[in-house]
């Protein structure tokens, strides 16, 4: 996928020398870890470049999978409220392997979204799921809001 993040105006503050970034979806400051940096870039990309309404984006959405509580990094919903896209964010030093893709695919057993994305901030892979044919195709770009 060809995704280029813009230059976003992040609100950052330090607490005891630890950086925190203001999350515009959760409306609070969160620790600015490497993975969080990727998540924040995606949030701003989804809002400013992809033009998805911020009210339809969920951050660290809880799901139940195999009786375990898991969290999806980002879930975009359709206007009807149905989940539409999952973005799984990894730290920039994490290679995007089959194991990473399998993680987001497991989350999708619960949510059944049509689009999945995995990203470490510099590499991004996305696919469209065809449930009836039980296959997927790779995405070149993010889908428009349905």
Protein backbone atom coordinates (compact mmCIF):
# COMPACT_ATOMS: atom_id res chain seq x y z
CA UNK A 1 0.00 0.00 0.00
CA UNK A 2 1.25 3.42 -0.86
CA UNK A 3 0.63 5.46 2.30
CA UNK A 4 2.56 8.62 3.06
CA UNK A 5 1.88 10.27 6.39
CA UNK A 6 1.65 14.06 6.39
CA UNK A 7 3.24 16.39 8.90
CA UNK A 8 0.73 16.35 11.71
CA UNK A 9 0.59 18.77 14.60
CA UNK A 10 0.79 16.45 17.61
CA UNK A 11 0.29 17.85 21.10
CA UNK A 12 3.12 16.42 23.16
CA UNK A 13 3.93 16.98 26.81
CA UNK A 14 6.51 15.50 29.15
CA UNK A 15 5.76 13.94 32.52
CA UNK A 16 8.84 13.03 34.51
CA UNK A 17 10.86 13.04 31.28
CA UNK A 18 8.40 10.62 29.62
CA UNK A 19 6.72 11.96 26.45
CA UNK A 20 2.93 11.80 26.17
CA UNK A 21 0.87 12.57 23.07
CA UNK A 22 -2.72 13.80 22.99
CA UNK A 23 -4.98 11.26 21.30
CA UNK A 24 -7.75 13.15 19.47
CA UNK A 25 -10.03 10.10 19.48
CA UNK A 26 -9.65 9.05 23.14
CA UNK A 27 -9.37 12.75 24.12
CA UNK A 28 -6.52 12.17 26.55
CA UNK A 29 -2.74 12.09 26.74
CA UNK A 30 -1.17 8.64 26.33
CA UNK A 31 2.45 7.51 26.67
CA UNK A 32 4.29 8.07 23.40
CA UNK A 33 5.78 4.62 22.79
CA UNK A 34 7.09 3.65 19.34
CA UNK A 35 3.87 1.70 18.65
CA UNK A 36 1.76 4.62 19.86
CA UNK A 37 3.60 6.91 17.45
CA UNK A 38 2.56 4.64 14.57
CA UNK A 39 -1.03 4.54 15.88
CA UNK A 40 -1.17 8.34 16.16
CA UNK A 41 0.15 8.78 12.62
CA UNK A 42 -2.56 6.41 11.39
CA UNK A 43 -5.28 8.24 13.33
CA UNK A 44 -4.31 11.53 11.72
CA UNK A 45 -3.92 9.90 8.30
CA UNK A 46 -7.40 8.35 8.53
CA UNK A 47 -8.93 11.69 9.54
CA UNK A 48 -6.98 14.14 7.35
CA UNK A 49 -6.00 12.16 4.24
CA UNK A 50 -8.55 9.33 4.02
CA UNK A 51 -11.31 11.67 5.27
CA UNK A 52 -12.87 9.12 7.60
CA UNK A 53 -15.00 10.85 10.26
CA UNK A 54 -13.22 10.77 13.62
CA UNK A 55 -16.54 9.81 15.27
CA UNK A 56 -16.38 6.47 13.39
CA UNK A 57 -12.85 5.55 14.53
CA UNK A 58 -12.33 3.42 17.65
CA UNK A 59 -8.92 3.14 19.34
CA UNK A 60 -7.90 -0.05 21.17
CA UNK A 61 -11.37 -1.49 20.74
CA UNK A 62 -12.00 -4.48 22.99
CA UNK A 63 -13.06 -7.74 21.41
CA UNK A 64 -13.49 -11.24 22.81
CA UNK A 65 -11.62 -13.98 20.98
CA UNK A 66 -11.45 -17.55 22.35
CA UNK A 67 -12.76 -16.28 25.69
CA UNK A 68 -9.83 -13.82 25.88
CA UNK A 69 -10.14 -10.04 25.81
CA UNK A 70 -8.04 -8.54 23.01
CA UNK A 71 -7.71 -5.00 21.69
CA UNK A 72 -7.72 -3.88 18.06
CA UNK A 73 -5.48 -0.86 17.56
CA UNK A 74 -7.86 0.99 15.23
CA UNK A 75 -11.29 0.04 13.96
CA UNK A 76 -13.14 2.23 11.48
CA UNK A 77 -16.91 1.84 11.37
CA UNK A 78 -19.37 2.50 8.58
CA UNK A 79 -22.00 5.18 9.21
CA UNK A 80 -24.37 2.33 10.10
CA UNK A 81 -22.04 1.38 12.97
CA UNK A 82 -20.79 -1.85 11.38
CA UNK A 83 -17.00 -2.36 11.60
CA UNK A 84 -15.42 -1.75 8.20
CA UNK A 85 -11.60 -1.64 8.60
CA UNK A 86 -9.02 -2.81 11.16
CA UNK A 87 -5.57 -1.23 11.33
CA UNK A 88 -3.05 -3.17 13.44
CA UNK A 89 -0.08 -0.98 14.39
CA UNK A 90 3.34 -2.29 15.30
CA UNK A 91 6.49 -0.60 16.52
CA UNK A 92 8.81 0.53 13.69
CA UNK A 93 11.35 -2.16 14.67
CA UNK A 94 8.80 -4.99 14.22
CA UNK A 95 8.96 -6.86 10.92
CA UNK A 96 5.57 -7.38 9.33
CA UNK A 97 5.53 -11.16 9.10
CA UNK A 98 2.80 -13.71 8.55
CA UNK A 99 2.49 -13.94 12.35
CA UNK A 100 1.55 -10.25 12.52
CA UNK A 101 -0.99 -10.66 9.74
CA UNK A 102 -2.40 -13.76 11.46
CA UNK A 103 -2.98 -11.67 14.61
CA UNK A 104 -5.23 -9.19 12.83
CA UNK A 105 -6.91 -12.03 10.91
CA UNK A 106 -7.81 -13.66 14.26
CA UNK A 107 -9.36 -10.39 15.44
CA UNK A 108 -11.38 -10.41 12.27
CA UNK A 109 -12.97 -13.75 13.15
CA UNK A 110 -14.93 -11.70 15.68
CA UNK A 111 -15.46 -8.41 13.79
CA UNK A 112 -15.69 -9.70 10.19
CA UNK A 113 -14.55 -6.46 8.57
CA UNK A 114 -13.98 -6.28 4.84
CA UNK A 115 -10.55 -4.59 5.07
CA UNK A 116 -7.43 -5.35 7.13
CA UNK A 117 -4.23 -3.30 7.39
CA UNK A 118 -0.98 -3.97 9.24
CA UNK A 119 1.65 -1.26 9.60
CA UNK A 120 4.91 -0.52 11.37
CA UNK A 121 4.88 3.10 10.28
CA UNK A 122 7.14 2.67 7.25
CA UNK A 123 5.65 -0.45 5.66
CA UNK A 124 1.92 -0.98 5.29
CA UNK A 125 0.04 -3.97 3.93
CA UNK A 126 -3.68 -4.14 3.42
CA UNK A 127 -6.14 -6.63 2.03
CA UNK A 128 -9.78 -6.93 1.13
CA UNK A 129 -11.50 -10.03 2.46
CA UNK A 130 -13.95 -11.92 0.26
CA UNK A 131 -15.88 -14.00 2.78
CA UNK A 132 -18.05 -15.85 0.25
CA UNK A 133 -15.03 -17.07 -1.75
CA UNK A 134 -12.87 -17.45 1.38
CA UNK A 135 -9.93 -15.52 -0.04
CA UNK A 136 -8.40 -12.05 -0.04
CA UNK A 137 -6.72 -9.62 -2.40
CA UNK A 138 -4.03 -7.10 -1.56
CA UNK A 139 -4.93 -3.41 -1.51
CA UNK A 140 -3.05 -0.68 -3.35
CA UNK A 141 -4.81 2.04 -1.34
CA UNK A 142 -7.33 2.45 1.44
CA UNK A 143 -10.96 2.02 0.43
CA UNK A 144 -13.34 4.97 0.40
CA UNK A 145 -15.89 5.11 3.20
CA UNK A 146 -18.87 2.92 2.25
